[in-house]
Amino acid sequence: MNAPDRLQGLPSSAAAPTIAVPAADVAVDVRRASVVYPSADAPVRALHEVDLAIGQGEFVSLIGPSGCGKTTLLRVIADLEPISAGEVLVNGMTPREARLARAYGYVFQSPALFPWRTVLANVMLPLQIQGRTKAQCEAIAREQLERVGLTGFERKYPWQLSGGMQQRVSIARALGFEPKLLMMDEPFGALDEITRDRLNEQLQQLWQRERRTVVFVTHSIAEAVYLSTRIVVMSPRPGRILKVIRSTLPDERTLGLRDTPEFMALAHEVREGLAAGHGADDEA
């Protein structure tokens, strides 16, 4: 897989060369994007001149301290948050156009399932809103539930499932309308470590099969290193991209890879990037 070269993770004060990437190869293109929230005393700068290009078929993780703007950046790409300055394109469209065209799927931190609807009915809902027939909706929903390992649970209700299973329903729902781009906002953060490991492995296998573009927000260094083709390290507020780390791990991965020197070296590089960001913030 060829990742874009036009991804600079330096503060705007640094002079960094920018290498163009053919538009057809770019799934997400963020250019000097800033987000400023007004407040009674002083404006809050959530993002400051972020430049980020994500290629088709990449798995890119955003990692940084709490409040650094990871989720804000994801929400900007998804048209859930307006930008104050800059430009964002999603598959060559504005975020609003991409949202209206249903060009992406979004998985939230919590599953956000309707408790009165069965698992199957929850996955069918977005397809029904699109106006597909009941037979089409059910066939697609069953196929997506099979992909996330939930065949046999179609008639269960969310409250009858574990947290990990609920999140898999959420992923199946997001994949139902075949989006080219999948955005995930810390989807496994509230789960226990064993469940999280299992879902990391299943997500990695799903990405191997589908090769969709994934933008993934996480606080976990191990999760970012295990899943990603590139890791974007963000600074404390105002959110900036401090460093972009390209994975040297093989595309096909198992959990056993986490014990290898290559994995630990990447994790160390991410940890150093995060520490450097905190240090720069303290000096400022």
Protein backbone atom coordinates (compact mmCIF):
# COMPACT_ATOMS: atom_id res chain seq x y z
CA MET A 1 0.00 0.00 0.00
CA ASN A 2 1.35 3.40 -0.94
CA ALA A 3 0.71 6.02 1.73
CA PRO A 4 0.71 9.69 0.80
CA ASP A 5 3.92 11.57 1.30
CA ARG A 6 2.08 14.87 1.83
CA LEU A 7 1.57 14.55 5.53
CA GLN A 8 3.58 17.01 7.57
CA GLY A 9 3.19 16.91 11.32
CA LEU A 10 5.15 19.99 12.21
CA PRO A 11 3.95 23.13 13.96
CA SER A 12 3.17 25.93 11.53
CA SER A 13 6.29 27.81 12.61
CA ALA A 14 8.49 25.05 11.16
CA ALA A 15 9.45 25.24 7.51
CA ALA A 16 8.53 21.84 6.11
CA PRO A 17 8.48 20.86 2.44
CA THR A 18 5.16 19.61 1.12
CA ILE A 19 5.05 16.91 -1.55
CA ALA A 20 1.92 16.74 -3.69
CA VAL A 21 -0.13 13.56 -3.90
CA PRO A 22 -2.48 12.81 -6.81
CA ALA A 23 -6.00 13.73 -5.75
CA ALA A 24 -7.28 10.27 -6.58
CA ASP A 25 -4.99 8.76 -3.94
CA VAL A 26 -6.18 11.00 -1.09
CA ALA A 27 -9.18 10.01 1.02
CA VAL A 28 -8.90 12.84 3.56
CA ASP A 29 -7.10 16.13 2.97
CA VAL A 30 -6.89 18.61 5.85
CA ARG A 31 -5.13 21.90 5.13
CA ARG A 32 -4.22 24.42 7.84
CA ALA A 33 -7.42 23.62 9.72
CA SER A 34 -8.09 25.50 12.96
CA VAL A 35 -10.98 25.27 15.40
CA VAL A 36 -11.59 28.05 17.91
CA TYR A 37 -14.45 27.99 20.43
CA PRO A 38 -15.73 31.33 21.73
CA SER A 39 -16.02 31.71 25.51
CA ALA A 40 -16.87 34.40 28.04
CA ASP A 41 -13.26 35.18 28.96
CA ALA A 42 -10.93 34.08 26.13
CA PRO A 43 -11.40 31.96 22.98
CA VAL A 44 -10.40 28.29 23.30
CA ARG A 45 -8.15 27.06 20.48
CA ALA A 46 -8.91 23.37 20.00
CA LEU A 47 -6.95 22.88 16.75
CA HIS A 48 -4.24 25.07 15.26
CA GLU A 49 -3.33 24.91 11.55
CA VAL A 50 -3.45 21.15 11.18
CA ASP A 51 -2.16 19.65 7.92
CA LEU A 52 -3.00 16.01 7.31
CA ALA A 53 -3.36 13.88 4.18
CA ILE A 54 -4.64 10.31 4.45
CA GLY A 55 -4.35 7.95 1.49
CA GLN A 56 -6.93 5.52 0.23
CA GLY A 57 -6.73 2.25 2.17
CA GLU A 58 -4.63 3.55 5.05
CA PHE A 59 -5.27 2.90 8.73
CA VAL A 60 -4.27 6.11 10.51
CA SER A 61 -4.48 6.55 14.29
CA LEU A 62 -4.65 9.89 16.06
CA ILE A 63 -3.07 9.77 19.52
CA GLY A 64 -2.37 12.42 22.13
CA PRO A 65 -3.25 13.58 25.64
CA SER A 66 -6.84 14.25 26.72
CA GLY A 67 -8.11 17.52 25.30
CA CYS A 68 -5.57 17.66 22.46
CA GLY A 69 -8.20 17.82 19.73
CA LYS A 70 -8.15 14.22 18.43
CA THR A 71 -11.91 13.86 18.54
CA THR A 72 -12.38 17.44 17.34
CA LEU A 73 -10.30 16.67 14.25
CA LEU A 74 -12.31 13.50 13.61
CA ARG A 75 -15.58 15.41 14.02
CA VAL A 76 -14.34 18.10 11.62
CA ILE A 77 -13.67 15.44 8.98
CA ALA A 78 -17.16 13.99 9.61
CA ASP A 79 -18.92 17.38 9.39
CA LEU A 80 -19.95 17.13 13.03
CA GLU A 81 -17.84 20.18 13.92
CA PRO A 82 -17.26 23.37 11.89
CA ILE A 83 -13.74 24.68 11.28
CA SER A 84 -12.80 28.28 12.00
CA ALA A 85 -10.15 28.42 9.29
CA GLY A 86 -8.57 26.16 6.68
CA GLU A 87 -9.98 23.54 4.35
CA VAL A 88 -11.05 19.90 4.61
CA LEU A 89 -11.84 17.52 1.75
CA VAL A 90 -13.21 13.98 2.07
CA ASN A 91 -12.84 11.94 -1.12
CA GLY A 92 -12.67 15.22 -3.02
CA MET A 93 -15.84 16.60 -1.43
CA THR A 94 -16.50 18.97 1.42
CA PRO A 95 -17.31 17.20 4.71
CA ARG A 96 -20.95 18.26 4.32
CA GLU A 97 -21.14 16.83 0.81
CA ALA A 98 -19.49 13.62 2.01
CA ARG A 99 -21.97 13.33 4.88
CA LEU A 100 -24.97 13.88 2.61
CA ALA A 101 -23.54 11.35 0.15
CA ARG A 102 -23.08 8.88 3.05
CA ALA A 103 -19.44 8.54 2.00
CA TYR A 104 -18.24 7.47 5.44
CA GLY A 105 -19.20 5.45 8.49
CA TYR A 106 -18.72 6.75 12.03
CA VAL A 107 -18.31 4.67 15.19
CA PHE A 108 -18.69 6.60 18.44
CA GLN A 109 -17.05 5.98 21.82
CA SER A 110 -20.24 4.29 23.03
CA PRO A 111 -22.31 2.02 20.78
CA ALA A 112 -25.39 4.35 20.77
CA LEU A 113 -27.78 1.52 19.99
CA PHE A 114 -31.55 1.81 20.38
CA PRO A 115 -32.47 -0.48 23.32
CA TRP A 116 -35.97 -1.18 21.98
CA ARG A 117 -34.64 -2.48 18.65
CA THR A 118 -33.06 -5.88 18.16
CA VAL A 119 -29.47 -6.23 17.00
CA LEU A 120 -30.68 -6.87 13.46
CA ALA A 121 -33.07 -3.90 13.56
CA ASN A 122 -30.31 -1.58 14.82
CA VAL A 123 -28.05 -2.52 11.91
CA MET A 124 -30.93 -2.21 9.43
CA LEU A 125 -31.92 1.30 10.55
CA PRO A 126 -29.51 3.40 8.41
CA LEU A 127 -30.35 1.24 5.40
CA GLN A 128 -34.07 1.79 5.96
CA ILE A 129 -33.47 5.53 6.16
CA GLN A 130 -31.78 5.26 2.76
CA GLY A 131 -35.03 3.86 1.39
CA ARG A 132 -33.93 0.32 0.65
CA THR A 133 -36.45 -2.51 0.70
CA LYS A 134 -36.94 -4.56 3.83
CA ALA A 135 -35.42 -7.61 2.14
CA GLN A 136 -32.34 -5.65 1.06
CA CYS A 137 -31.89 -4.15 4.53
CA GLU A 138 -32.14 -7.52 6.24
CA ALA A 139 -29.77 -9.25 3.82
CA ILE A 140 -27.11 -6.53 4.18
CA ALA A 141 -27.50 -6.39 7.97
CA ARG A 142 -27.10 -10.14 8.32
CA GLU A 143 -24.00 -10.06 6.12
CA GLN A 144 -22.40 -7.30 8.23
CA LEU A 145 -23.22 -9.08 11.49
CA GLU A 146 -21.54 -12.19 10.11
CA ARG A 147 -18.44 -10.12 9.30
CA VAL A 148 -18.12 -9.00 12.92
CA GLY A 149 -18.84 -12.46 14.32
CA LEU A 150 -22.39 -11.92 15.57
CA THR A 151 -24.34 -14.47 13.55
CA GLY A 152 -26.94 -15.97 15.89
CA PHE A 153 -27.46 -12.77 17.88
CA GLU A 154 -29.76 -11.03 15.40
CA ARG A 155 -32.85 -11.26 17.64
CA LYS A 156 -31.09 -10.21 20.84
CA TYR A 157 -31.49 -6.73 22.31
CA PRO A 158 -28.51 -4.49 23.16
CA TRP A 159 -29.02 -4.93 26.89
CA GLN A 160 -28.57 -8.69 26.42
CA LEU A 161 -25.06 -8.24 24.97
CA SER A 162 -21.67 -7.51 26.49
CA GLY A 163 -20.03 -4.15 25.90
CA GLY A 164 -17.71 -5.62 23.31
CA MET A 165 -20.58 -7.23 21.42
CA GLN A 166 -22.52 -3.97 21.45
CA GLN A 167 -19.55 -2.19 19.91
CA ARG A 168 -19.35 -4.84 17.21
CA VAL A 169 -23.01 -4.15 16.41
CA SER A 170 -22.09 -0.48 16.08
CA ILE A 171 -19.26 -1.35 13.66
CA ALA A 172 -21.60 -3.59 11.62
CA ARG A 173 -24.09 -0.72 11.41
CA ALA A 174 -21.38 1.69 10.23
CA LEU A 175 -20.23 -0.77 7.55
CA GLY A 176 -23.74 -1.55 6.32
CA PHE A 177 -23.86 1.03 3.55
CA GLU A 178 -20.36 0.12 2.30
CA PRO A 179 -18.52 3.36 3.16
CA LYS A 180 -15.05 3.82 1.68
CA LEU A 181 -14.01 5.69 4.82
CA LEU A 182 -14.54 4.51 8.40
CA MET A 183 -14.00 6.93 11.31
CA MET A 184 -13.74 5.51 14.83
CA ASP A 185 -13.65 7.63 17.98
CA GLU A 186 -12.00 5.55 20.70
CA PRO A 187 -14.47 2.71 20.18
CA PHE A 188 -12.81 0.28 22.60
CA GLY A 189 -11.74 2.70 25.33
CA ALA A 190 -14.37 1.59 27.86
CA LEU A 191 -13.75 -2.14 27.46
CA ASP A 192 -11.63 -4.47 29.56
CA GLU A 193 -8.18 -5.31 28.23
CA ILE A 194 -8.97 -8.86 27.10
CA THR A 195 -12.08 -7.76 25.18
CA ARG A 196 -10.18 -4.82 23.74
CA ASP A 197 -7.38 -7.09 22.51
CA ARG A 198 -9.88 -9.42 20.85
CA LEU A 199 -11.68 -6.55 19.10
CA ASN A 200 -8.35 -5.03 18.02
CA GLU A 201 -7.52 -8.34 16.37
CA GLN A 202 -10.93 -8.60 14.72
CA LEU A 203 -10.74 -5.01 13.48
CA GLN A 204 -7.27 -5.61 12.06
CA GLN A 205 -8.51 -8.71 10.24
CA LEU A 206 -11.52 -6.80 8.94
CA TRP A 207 -9.23 -4.06 7.61
CA GLN A 208 -7.08 -6.71 5.94
CA ARG A 209 -10.12 -8.07 4.10
CA GLU A 210 -11.80 -4.79 3.21
CA ARG A 211 -8.87 -2.34 2.92
CA ARG A 212 -11.13 0.58 3.72
CA THR A 213 -9.60 3.85 4.82
CA VAL A 214 -9.76 4.07 8.63
CA VAL A 215 -9.19 7.11 10.85
CA PHE A 216 -8.98 5.93 14.44
CA VAL A 217 -8.79 7.94 17.68
CA THR A 218 -7.15 6.29 20.70
CA HIS A 219 -5.33 6.97 23.96
CA SER A 220 -3.57 3.62 23.84
CA ILE A 221 -0.04 3.45 22.44
CA ALA A 222 -0.21 -0.34 22.05
CA GLU A 223 -3.54 -0.11 20.20
CA ALA A 224 -2.24 2.60 17.84
CA VAL A 225 0.93 0.65 17.04
CA TYR A 226 -0.88 -2.65 16.54
CA LEU A 227 -3.59 -1.32 14.22
CA SER A 228 -2.02 1.47 12.19
CA THR A 229 -0.12 1.99 9.00
CA ARG A 230 0.71 5.47 10.34
CA ILE A 231 0.40 7.06 13.76
CA VAL A 232 -0.26 10.80 14.13
CA VAL A 233 1.01 12.20 17.45
CA MET A 234 -0.82 15.34 18.57
CA SER A 235 0.20 18.04 21.04
CA PRO A 236 -1.69 19.32 24.07
CA ARG A 237 -4.14 22.14 23.31
CA PRO A 238 -4.10 23.83 20.93
CA GLY A 239 -4.01 20.60 18.97
CA ARG A 240 -1.20 20.40 16.44
CA ILE A 241 0.45 17.47 14.73
CA LEU A 242 3.84 16.96 16.32
CA LYS A 243 4.98 13.82 14.56
CA VAL A 244 3.84 11.25 12.03
CA ILE A 245 5.24 7.74 12.47
CA ARG A 246 5.06 5.25 9.63
CA SER A 247 4.68 1.65 10.78
CA THR A 248 7.43 -0.80 9.88
CA LEU A 249 5.33 -3.79 10.94
CA PRO A 250 4.01 -6.29 8.38
CA ASP A 251 0.50 -5.69 7.06
CA GLU A 252 -0.82 -8.96 8.47
CA ARG A 253 -0.54 -8.90 12.25
CA THR A 254 -1.33 -11.05 15.26
CA LEU A 255 -1.35 -10.07 18.92
CA GLY A 256 1.92 -11.96 19.38
CA LEU A 257 3.60 -9.23 17.36
CA ARG A 258 3.40 -6.98 20.43
CA ASP A 259 6.25 -8.89 22.05
CA THR A 260 8.67 -8.29 19.18
CA PRO A 261 11.52 -5.75 19.21
CA GLU A 262 10.01 -3.99 16.17
CA PHE A 263 6.71 -3.41 17.96
CA MET A 264 8.40 -2.19 21.14
CA ALA A 265 10.63 0.17 19.14
CA LEU A 266 7.58 1.76 17.49
CA ALA A 267 5.79 2.04 20.83
CA HIS A 268 8.87 3.74 22.29
CA GLU A 269 8.94 6.22 19.40
CA VAL A 270 5.27 7.09 19.96
CA ARG A 271 5.86 7.48 23.72
CA GLU A 272 8.81 9.78 23.08
CA GLY A 273 6.70 11.87 20.71
CA LEU A 274 3.98 12.26 23.34
CA ALA A 275 6.54 13.16 26.02
CA ALA A 276 8.16 15.73 23.73
CA GLY A 277 4.78 17.32 23.16
CA HIS A 278 4.17 17.70 26.88
CA GLY A 279 7.65 19.16 27.31
CA ALA A 280 7.08 21.74 24.59
CA ASP A 281 3.76 22.66 26.18
CA ASP A 282 5.38 23.15 29.57
CA GLU A 283 8.03 25.43 28.08
CA ALA A 284 5.39 27.51 26.37
